[in-house]
Amino acid sequence: MDNRGGGAPVPPNSCENQARDSNESDVDCGGTSKCGACATNSRCTANKDCQSAFCKTNRCAEPTCTDKVKNQDETGTDCGGSCAPCDVGVACGVNEDCAGEYCLDSVCADHCTSGTREADETDKDCGGATCPACDDKLHCQASSDCRSLVCINNACKPASCTDQIKNQDESDTDCGGACSATKPCPVTAHCNLAGDCESWTCTKNKCATDLLVDPANVIDDFEDGDFMVRNSGGRVGNWYPFGDGTGTGTMDISPIQRNAGNTKAMHATGTGFTNWGSGVGGDFYNVKGGKDDKARYDASSFTGVTFWARAKTAVTVTVTFPDEDSEPAIGLCTTCDHHYYKSLQVDTTWQRFTIRFADLTLEPGDVPVPTAFKPTGLVSLQFRMVAGTTYELWIDDVAFVK
């Protein structure tokens, strides 16, 4: 015992007494004592007991970058400093602490918004694996670095319909979408709309072969610009608008841009019809051209009709087939006027419709009561809209099918 000059004995320092006191986790260290932290391999009960700030299974252990503890020179748990860089949102001290090489206000931030080129960016805030693709003329290393997907001589180039890359809104490589006007897609190519295809036929997202129609069976393709049906197969008639007298409607032959071989179509509008509606129609045999000069046309060698149509806004069109039992103008029945028909939904893109005579339904009415549709006595083909419908409709390439 040290009396130090003969005075009262001085108690030994508990952190230097070479003994593990009750408030220490190991000899002269750790615990709730005021002693220093413990060295590696010393006993511990908490990370703070250890100089390494890492207590594992009650022993102070060397820190690692996988111990799930923020220690060493780490800026975040197991990242930053001498460990791997930290993700966005984790604390940092310098840019190198961050995976994106961008430390903003002591927090790892999105390097794609830094205003400078860093990390794997190929140009300022664009390119690489994580940033948005670069605009035209900016630096790139691969096609994926560019919005256009075209990287030539380490510079992003504008997309085109000849770059052999599926870009822009093309439905397939260099065709469809923005390229449709000059390079519609061939049969079997991928399509999103009928207009993507040369055939104007898109089935299950594949361009398909259009229906082959014998030119002799064409009722009218409207390319001659007049209102007469094509004089073929004994057909002599004309197209006309009709309505219930309450609204206004128009009919004309209008320029279209469907494909190279189809430049004109019948164009019809209507609004304000409040009684039974309006529409446009064509007679198959009407030499004089008057509404009471209709006559029968034998269409028994055909199974139906086909045509292309589109509308400014989607509209329901009732396609009717007046025959000798339902058309009062031919004189067999003066009180009838309910016809065989099929209703279709016409949308804003061109679409081919095909209607078989066998699929027609008779409109409700009193007299007569036909037993079946009579293609041997076909009189007209009409496209009708019910009362209250405002419409703008284009119809093209009307033909019989076999």
Protein backbone atom coordinates (compact mmCIF):
# COMPACT_ATOMS: atom_id res chain seq x y z
CA MET A 1 0.00 0.00 0.00
CA ASP A 2 1.33 3.44 -0.98
CA ASN A 3 1.29 5.82 1.98
CA ARG A 4 2.94 8.64 -0.01
CA GLY A 5 4.70 10.49 2.75
CA GLY A 6 2.99 8.71 5.58
CA GLY A 7 -0.48 10.09 4.89
CA ALA A 8 -3.75 8.15 4.51
CA PRO A 9 -3.66 5.13 2.11
CA VAL A 10 -4.72 5.93 -1.52
CA PRO A 11 -7.18 3.39 -3.01
CA PRO A 12 -6.00 1.79 -6.23
CA ASN A 13 -7.54 2.97 -9.61
CA SER A 14 -10.26 0.40 -10.43
CA CYS A 15 -9.35 0.61 -14.14
CA GLU A 16 -5.79 -0.33 -13.33
CA ASN A 17 -6.23 -2.92 -10.61
CA GLN A 18 -5.67 -5.88 -12.91
CA ALA A 19 -9.04 -7.26 -11.88
CA ARG A 20 -12.43 -7.51 -13.56
CA ASP A 21 -14.75 -5.46 -11.44
CA SER A 22 -18.50 -5.91 -11.48
CA ASN A 23 -19.15 -2.98 -13.81
CA GLU A 24 -16.50 -4.03 -16.32
CA SER A 25 -17.01 -6.45 -19.23
CA ASP A 26 -13.39 -7.61 -18.96
CA VAL A 27 -10.35 -6.77 -16.85
CA ASP A 28 -10.06 -2.98 -16.53
CA CYS A 29 -12.26 -2.25 -19.63
CA GLY A 30 -15.78 -2.03 -21.03
CA GLY A 31 -19.10 -2.44 -19.30
CA THR A 32 -20.73 0.47 -17.49
CA SER A 33 -17.42 1.50 -16.01
CA LYS A 34 -15.49 4.61 -16.88
CA CYS A 35 -12.70 2.45 -18.19
CA GLY A 36 -11.62 2.41 -21.83
CA ALA A 37 -12.94 0.10 -24.50
CA CYS A 38 -11.64 -3.44 -24.64
CA ALA A 39 -9.11 -4.90 -27.05
CA THR A 40 -9.80 -7.67 -29.56
CA ASN A 41 -10.80 -11.02 -27.96
CA SER A 42 -11.78 -9.37 -24.68
CA ARG A 43 -15.16 -10.17 -23.18
CA CYS A 44 -18.01 -7.81 -24.11
CA THR A 45 -21.76 -7.47 -23.89
CA ALA A 46 -22.25 -4.61 -26.36
CA ASN A 47 -20.42 -3.04 -29.31
CA LYS A 48 -19.47 -0.01 -27.19
CA ASP A 49 -17.40 -2.27 -24.94
CA CYS A 50 -14.94 -2.82 -27.80
CA GLN A 51 -12.24 -0.68 -29.36
CA SER A 52 -13.39 -2.18 -32.68
CA ALA A 53 -17.00 -1.24 -31.85
CA PHE A 54 -17.90 -4.84 -32.74
CA CYS A 55 -18.95 -7.35 -30.11
CA LYS A 56 -19.55 -10.80 -31.56
CA THR A 57 -20.67 -13.72 -29.41
CA ASN A 58 -19.50 -11.81 -26.31
CA ARG A 59 -15.99 -11.25 -27.63
CA CYS A 60 -14.55 -8.10 -29.16
CA ALA A 61 -13.83 -8.89 -32.80
CA GLU A 62 -12.11 -7.17 -35.68
CA PRO A 63 -14.57 -5.10 -37.74
CA THR A 64 -15.43 -6.11 -41.30
CA CYS A 65 -17.48 -4.71 -44.15
CA THR A 66 -20.11 -7.40 -43.60
CA ASP A 67 -20.66 -7.25 -39.83
CA LYS A 68 -23.86 -5.17 -40.13
CA VAL A 69 -22.35 -2.55 -37.82
CA LYS A 70 -21.23 0.99 -38.71
CA ASN A 71 -17.62 0.89 -37.62
CA GLN A 72 -14.12 1.45 -38.96
CA ASP A 73 -14.21 4.52 -41.21
CA GLU A 74 -17.54 3.54 -42.71
CA THR A 75 -19.97 6.36 -43.48
CA GLY A 76 -22.91 3.98 -43.50
CA THR A 77 -23.42 0.47 -42.20
CA ASP A 78 -20.89 -1.73 -44.02
CA CYS A 79 -20.33 0.86 -46.76
CA GLY A 80 -18.32 3.94 -47.46
CA GLY A 81 -14.77 4.62 -46.34
CA SER A 82 -12.64 1.52 -46.81
CA CYS A 83 -15.74 -0.58 -47.57
CA ALA A 84 -17.76 -0.77 -50.76
CA PRO A 85 -19.50 2.46 -51.87
CA CYS A 86 -22.93 3.25 -50.42
CA ASP A 87 -26.28 3.34 -52.16
CA VAL A 88 -28.42 6.46 -52.70
CA GLY A 89 -29.74 7.86 -49.42
CA VAL A 90 -26.89 6.62 -47.20
CA ALA A 91 -24.51 8.99 -45.39
CA CYS A 92 -21.26 9.92 -47.10
CA GLY A 93 -18.26 12.16 -46.67
CA VAL A 94 -16.88 12.32 -50.19
CA ASN A 95 -18.06 11.27 -53.66
CA GLU A 96 -16.00 8.08 -53.44
CA ASP A 97 -18.20 6.88 -50.56
CA CYS A 98 -21.12 6.54 -53.03
CA ALA A 99 -21.77 3.93 -55.70
CA GLY A 100 -22.87 6.74 -57.98
CA GLU A 101 -19.84 8.87 -57.10
CA TYR A 102 -22.09 11.74 -56.02
CA CYS A 103 -22.25 12.88 -52.37
CA LEU A 104 -24.66 15.78 -51.87
CA ASP A 105 -25.07 17.39 -48.43
CA SER A 106 -23.40 14.35 -46.80
CA VAL A 107 -25.88 11.92 -48.36
CA CYS A 108 -25.35 9.72 -51.43
CA ALA A 109 -27.58 11.16 -54.18
CA ASP A 110 -28.65 10.20 -57.70
CA HIS A 111 -25.63 10.86 -59.87
CA CYS A 112 -27.91 11.20 -62.91
CA THR A 113 -28.96 14.64 -61.59
CA SER A 114 -25.58 16.01 -60.56
CA GLY A 115 -24.98 18.16 -63.62
CA THR A 116 -21.61 16.53 -64.22
CA ARG A 117 -20.44 13.31 -65.83
CA GLU A 118 -19.51 10.62 -63.31
CA ALA A 119 -19.90 6.91 -62.53
CA ASP A 120 -20.61 4.98 -65.74
CA GLU A 121 -22.33 7.88 -67.50
CA THR A 122 -21.28 8.31 -71.13
CA ASP A 123 -22.26 11.99 -71.11
CA LYS A 124 -23.49 14.43 -68.49
CA ASP A 125 -26.32 12.75 -66.52
CA CYS A 126 -27.09 10.20 -69.25
CA GLY A 127 -26.00 6.84 -70.60
CA GLY A 128 -24.55 3.90 -68.74
CA ALA A 129 -26.48 1.30 -66.78
CA THR A 130 -28.54 3.52 -64.49
CA CYS A 131 -29.08 6.93 -66.10
CA PRO A 132 -31.59 7.77 -68.85
CA ALA A 133 -30.40 7.31 -72.43
CA CYS A 134 -28.70 10.25 -74.09
CA ASP A 135 -30.14 12.58 -76.70
CA ASP A 136 -28.77 12.87 -80.22
CA LYS A 137 -25.18 14.17 -80.60
CA LEU A 138 -24.17 13.23 -77.04
CA HIS A 139 -21.38 10.79 -76.25
CA CYS A 140 -22.10 7.06 -76.12
CA GLN A 141 -20.32 3.73 -75.93
CA ALA A 142 -23.17 1.41 -76.90
CA SER A 143 -26.56 1.68 -78.61
CA SER A 144 -28.31 1.40 -75.25
CA ASP A 145 -26.72 4.71 -74.21
CA CYS A 146 -28.87 6.54 -76.80
CA ARG A 147 -32.58 7.31 -76.93
CA SER A 148 -32.40 6.54 -80.64
CA LEU A 149 -30.53 3.28 -79.98
CA VAL A 150 -28.07 4.44 -82.65
CA CYS A 151 -24.46 4.95 -81.48
CA ILE A 152 -21.98 5.62 -84.28
CA ASN A 153 -18.38 6.72 -83.66
CA ASN A 154 -19.23 7.22 -79.96
CA ALA A 155 -21.99 9.72 -80.69
CA CYS A 156 -25.77 9.25 -80.53
CA LYS A 157 -27.35 9.64 -83.97
CA PRO A 158 -31.02 10.32 -84.91
CA ALA A 159 -33.24 7.29 -85.47
CA SER A 160 -34.34 6.59 -89.03
CA CYS A 161 -36.34 4.06 -91.02
CA THR A 162 -33.13 2.66 -92.54
CA ASP A 163 -30.84 2.20 -89.52
CA GLN A 164 -31.65 -1.53 -89.16
CA ILE A 165 -32.65 -0.96 -85.52
CA LYS A 166 -36.13 -1.19 -84.01
CA ASN A 167 -36.46 2.26 -82.48
CA GLN A 168 -38.77 5.29 -82.52
CA ASP A 169 -42.26 3.78 -82.27
CA GLU A 170 -41.63 1.24 -85.03
CA SER A 171 -43.65 -1.95 -84.66
CA ASP A 172 -40.81 -3.93 -86.23
CA THR A 173 -37.32 -3.11 -87.45
CA ASP A 174 -37.50 -0.08 -89.77
CA CYS A 175 -41.22 -0.46 -90.47
CA GLY A 176 -44.56 0.45 -88.98
CA GLY A 177 -45.22 3.28 -86.54
CA ALA A 178 -43.38 6.43 -87.63
CA CYS A 179 -42.17 4.56 -90.72
CA SER A 180 -45.63 3.43 -91.87
CA ALA A 181 -46.04 6.16 -94.49
CA THR A 182 -42.89 5.13 -96.37
CA LYS A 183 -42.15 1.65 -95.03
CA PRO A 184 -45.20 -0.29 -93.83
CA CYS A 185 -44.38 -3.76 -92.53
CA PRO A 186 -44.55 -6.90 -94.66
CA VAL A 187 -46.58 -10.01 -93.86
CA THR A 188 -45.42 -11.82 -90.64
CA ALA A 189 -43.74 -8.68 -89.22
CA HIS A 190 -44.85 -7.46 -85.80
CA CYS A 191 -47.60 -4.86 -85.77
CA ASN A 192 -49.59 -2.85 -83.24
CA LEU A 193 -52.19 -1.41 -85.60
CA ALA A 194 -53.51 -2.29 -89.03
CA GLY A 195 -51.80 0.83 -90.37
CA ASP A 196 -48.39 -0.67 -89.52
CA CYS A 197 -48.84 -3.26 -92.29
CA GLU A 198 -48.65 -3.14 -96.09
CA SER A 199 -51.77 -5.29 -96.10
CA TRP A 200 -53.54 -3.14 -93.51
CA THR A 201 -54.29 -6.41 -91.72
CA CYS A 202 -52.85 -6.89 -88.22
CA THR A 203 -53.90 -10.16 -86.57
CA LYS A 204 -52.59 -11.07 -83.12
CA ASN A 205 -49.80 -8.48 -83.55
CA LYS A 206 -48.62 -10.02 -86.82
CA CYS A 207 -49.10 -8.49 -90.27
CA ALA A 208 -51.31 -10.90 -92.18
CA THR A 209 -52.24 -11.35 -95.81
CA ASP A 210 -55.22 -9.26 -96.83
CA LEU A 211 -58.31 -10.89 -98.31
CA LEU A 212 -57.80 -11.45 -102.04
CA VAL A 213 -60.68 -9.97 -103.99
CA ASP A 214 -61.31 -10.65 -107.67
CA PRO A 215 -61.41 -7.25 -109.45
CA ALA A 216 -64.60 -8.38 -111.19
CA ASN A 217 -66.30 -8.60 -107.79
CA VAL A 218 -65.47 -5.03 -106.73
CA ILE A 219 -68.63 -3.01 -106.20
CA ASP A 220 -66.71 0.27 -105.92
CA ASP A 221 -63.21 1.38 -104.93
CA PHE A 222 -64.12 5.09 -105.42
CA GLU A 223 -60.88 5.81 -107.25
CA ASP A 224 -62.83 7.23 -110.22
CA GLY A 225 -64.26 9.90 -107.92
CA ASP A 226 -67.91 9.53 -108.97
CA PHE A 227 -71.02 8.22 -107.22
CA MET A 228 -71.71 5.33 -109.61
CA VAL A 229 -71.08 1.74 -108.58
CA ARG A 230 -68.55 0.01 -110.81
CA ASN A 231 -70.18 -1.18 -114.03
CA SER A 232 -69.22 -4.83 -113.70
CA GLY A 233 -71.13 -8.08 -113.49
CA GLY A 234 -74.32 -6.44 -114.66
CA ARG A 235 -74.35 -3.93 -111.79
CA VAL A 236 -75.74 -0.51 -112.71
CA GLY A 237 -76.47 1.81 -109.80
CA ASN A 238 -75.39 4.78 -107.74
CA TRP A 239 -74.47 5.83 -104.21
CA TYR A 240 -76.68 8.24 -102.29
CA PRO A 241 -77.18 9.73 -98.81
CA PHE A 242 -80.46 9.23 -96.99
CA GLY A 243 -82.06 10.33 -93.73
CA ASP A 244 -85.26 10.84 -91.79
CA GLY A 245 -85.49 14.54 -92.74
CA THR A 246 -84.72 15.93 -89.29
CA GLY A 247 -80.94 16.48 -89.47
CA THR A 248 -78.16 17.29 -91.90
CA GLY A 249 -75.84 14.89 -93.71
CA THR A 250 -73.25 14.95 -96.47
CA MET A 251 -71.65 12.47 -98.84
CA ASP A 252 -68.59 12.98 -101.01
CA ILE A 253 -65.55 11.19 -102.42
CA SER A 254 -62.60 12.16 -100.21
CA PRO A 255 -58.80 11.77 -100.48
CA ILE A 256 -57.35 9.24 -98.02
CA GLN A 257 -53.90 7.97 -97.06
CA ARG A 258 -54.40 4.27 -96.52
CA ASN A 259 -51.75 2.89 -98.86
CA ALA A 260 -50.29 3.56 -102.29
CA GLY A 261 -53.16 1.87 -104.16
CA ASN A 262 -56.00 3.47 -102.23
CA THR A 263 -56.20 7.24 -102.51
CA LYS A 264 -59.97 7.93 -102.37
CA ALA A 265 -62.91 6.73 -100.31
CA MET A 266 -66.58 7.51 -99.79
CA HIS A 267 -66.94 10.04 -96.98
CA ALA A 268 -70.21 10.53 -95.11
CA THR A 269 -71.23 12.77 -92.19
CA GLY A 270 -74.45 13.17 -90.25
CA THR A 271 -75.84 14.97 -87.21
CA GLY A 272 -79.16 15.99 -85.71
CA PHE A 273 -81.26 13.10 -87.03
CA THR A 274 -83.87 12.40 -84.37
CA ASN A 275 -86.46 10.10 -85.96
CA TRP A 276 -84.97 6.85 -87.25
CA GLY A 277 -81.54 8.06 -88.36
CA SER A 278 -79.52 8.40 -91.56
CA GLY A 279 -76.79 6.88 -93.69
CA VAL A 280 -75.50 6.19 -97.19
CA GLY A 281 -76.33 3.41 -99.61
CA GLY A 282 -75.84 2.08 -103.09
CA ASP A 283 -78.16 0.28 -105.52
CA PHE A 284 -77.03 -2.70 -107.58
CA TYR A 285 -79.48 -2.29 -110.44
CA ASN A 286 -81.00 1.14 -110.94
CA VAL A 287 -80.76 2.31 -114.55
CA LYS A 288 -82.61 5.61 -114.11
CA GLY A 289 -81.13 6.51 -110.74
CA GLY A 290 -84.34 7.44 -108.90
CA LYS A 291 -85.26 6.14 -105.48
CA ASP A 292 -88.30 4.34 -106.94
CA ASP A 293 -86.37 2.85 -109.86
CA LYS A 294 -84.63 0.10 -107.89
CA ALA A 295 -84.67 -3.45 -109.22
CA ARG A 296 -83.47 -6.88 -108.20
CA TYR A 297 -79.85 -7.93 -108.63
CA ASP A 298 -78.89 -11.61 -108.50
CA ALA A 299 -76.05 -11.93 -105.98
CA SER A 300 -76.55 -15.67 -105.42
CA SER A 301 -73.07 -16.48 -106.75
CA PHE A 302 -71.58 -14.60 -103.77
CA THR A 303 -71.50 -15.43 -100.05
CA GLY A 304 -71.30 -11.88 -98.71
CA VAL A 305 -69.62 -8.49 -98.97
CA THR A 306 -66.37 -7.00 -97.70
CA PHE A 307 -65.21 -3.40 -97.28
CA TRP A 308 -62.77 -1.17 -95.41
CA ALA A 309 -64.00 1.51 -93.00
CA ARG A 310 -62.87 3.94 -90.34
CA ALA A 311 -64.55 6.74 -88.37
CA LYS A 312 -63.43 10.03 -86.83
CA THR A 313 -64.78 8.75 -83.52
CA ALA A 314 -65.92 5.18 -82.90
CA VAL A 315 -69.45 4.57 -84.14
CA THR A 316 -71.88 1.66 -84.48
CA VAL A 317 -72.82 1.10 -88.11
CA THR A 318 -75.75 -1.06 -89.16
CA VAL A 319 -75.08 -2.61 -92.56
CA THR A 320 -78.38 -3.53 -94.20
CA PHE A 321 -79.23 -5.58 -97.29
CA PRO A 322 -82.65 -4.61 -98.70
CA ASP A 323 -83.99 -7.44 -100.86
CA GLU A 324 -87.15 -8.08 -102.86
CA ASP A 325 -89.09 -8.94 -99.69
CA SER A 326 -88.08 -5.83 -97.72
CA GLU A 327 -87.57 -2.95 -100.21
CA PRO A 328 -90.90 -1.16 -100.94
CA ALA A 329 -89.51 0.59 -104.04
CA ILE A 330 -89.63 -2.56 -106.15
CA GLY A 331 -93.35 -2.86 -105.65
CA LEU A 332 -93.72 -6.26 -104.01
CA CYS A 333 -94.44 -4.68 -100.65
CA THR A 334 -95.39 -1.04 -100.16
CA THR A 335 -95.67 -1.14 -96.36
CA CYS A 336 -92.45 -2.98 -95.50
CA ASP A 337 -88.98 -1.52 -94.97
CA HIS A 338 -87.26 -3.74 -92.42
CA HIS A 339 -84.17 -5.46 -93.76
CA TYR A 340 -81.62 -8.12 -93.07
CA TYR A 341 -78.62 -6.56 -91.33
CA LYS A 342 -75.46 -6.86 -89.26
CA SER A 343 -74.16 -4.20 -86.82
CA LEU A 344 -70.45 -3.37 -86.60
CA GLN A 345 -68.26 -1.18 -84.42
CA VAL A 346 -66.14 1.05 -86.66
CA ASP A 347 -63.12 2.56 -84.91
CA THR A 348 -60.68 5.34 -85.78
CA THR A 349 -58.23 3.17 -87.72
CA TRP A 350 -58.87 1.49 -91.05
CA GLN A 351 -60.18 -2.04 -90.71
CA ARG A 352 -61.51 -4.61 -93.16
CA PHE A 353 -64.98 -5.97 -92.43
CA THR A 354 -66.49 -9.05 -94.08
CA ILE A 355 -70.19 -9.88 -93.71
CA ARG A 356 -71.59 -13.23 -94.81
CA PHE A 357 -75.16 -13.41 -96.01
CA ALA A 358 -75.62 -16.44 -93.74
CA ASP A 359 -74.90 -14.26 -90.67
CA LEU A 360 -77.57 -11.64 -91.31
CA THR A 361 -80.45 -10.96 -88.90
CA LEU A 362 -83.86 -9.56 -89.83
CA GLU A 363 -84.87 -6.20 -88.36
CA PRO A 364 -88.14 -6.23 -86.41
CA GLY A 365 -91.26 -5.22 -88.36
CA ASP A 366 -94.84 -6.16 -89.23
CA VAL A 367 -95.06 -7.15 -92.88
CA PRO A 368 -93.96 -9.04 -94.80
CA VAL A 369 -92.44 -11.91 -92.85
CA PRO A 370 -89.61 -13.22 -95.07
CA THR A 371 -88.54 -16.78 -94.54
CA ALA A 372 -84.90 -16.04 -95.38
CA PHE A 373 -82.68 -13.44 -96.97
CA LYS A 374 -82.82 -13.69 -100.78
CA PRO A 375 -79.48 -12.92 -102.47
CA THR A 376 -81.22 -13.60 -105.81
CA GLY A 377 -83.31 -10.48 -105.17
CA LEU A 378 -80.69 -8.18 -103.60
CA VAL A 379 -81.58 -4.53 -104.14
CA SER A 380 -79.15 -2.33 -102.20
CA LEU A 381 -76.33 -2.13 -99.68
CA GLN A 382 -76.77 0.50 -96.96
CA PHE A 383 -74.65 1.83 -94.09
CA ARG A 384 -76.99 3.25 -91.46
CA MET A 385 -76.60 5.10 -88.14
CA VAL A 386 -79.40 5.22 -85.59
CA ALA A 387 -81.12 8.45 -84.53
CA GLY A 388 -79.04 10.71 -82.31
CA THR A 389 -75.70 9.62 -83.81
CA THR A 390 -73.22 12.27 -84.93
CA TYR A 391 -70.69 10.65 -87.22
CA GLU A 392 -67.95 11.08 -89.80
CA LEU A 393 -67.32 7.86 -91.69
CA TRP A 394 -65.05 6.70 -94.51
CA ILE A 395 -65.86 3.56 -96.56
CA ASP A 396 -63.59 2.06 -99.23
CA ASP A 397 -63.08 -0.97 -101.49
CA VAL A 398 -66.59 -2.42 -101.26
CA ALA A 399 -66.76 -5.84 -102.95
CA PHE A 400 -68.64 -9.11 -103.11
CA VAL A 401 -66.86 -12.20 -101.81
CA LYS A 402 -67.21 -15.84 -102.73
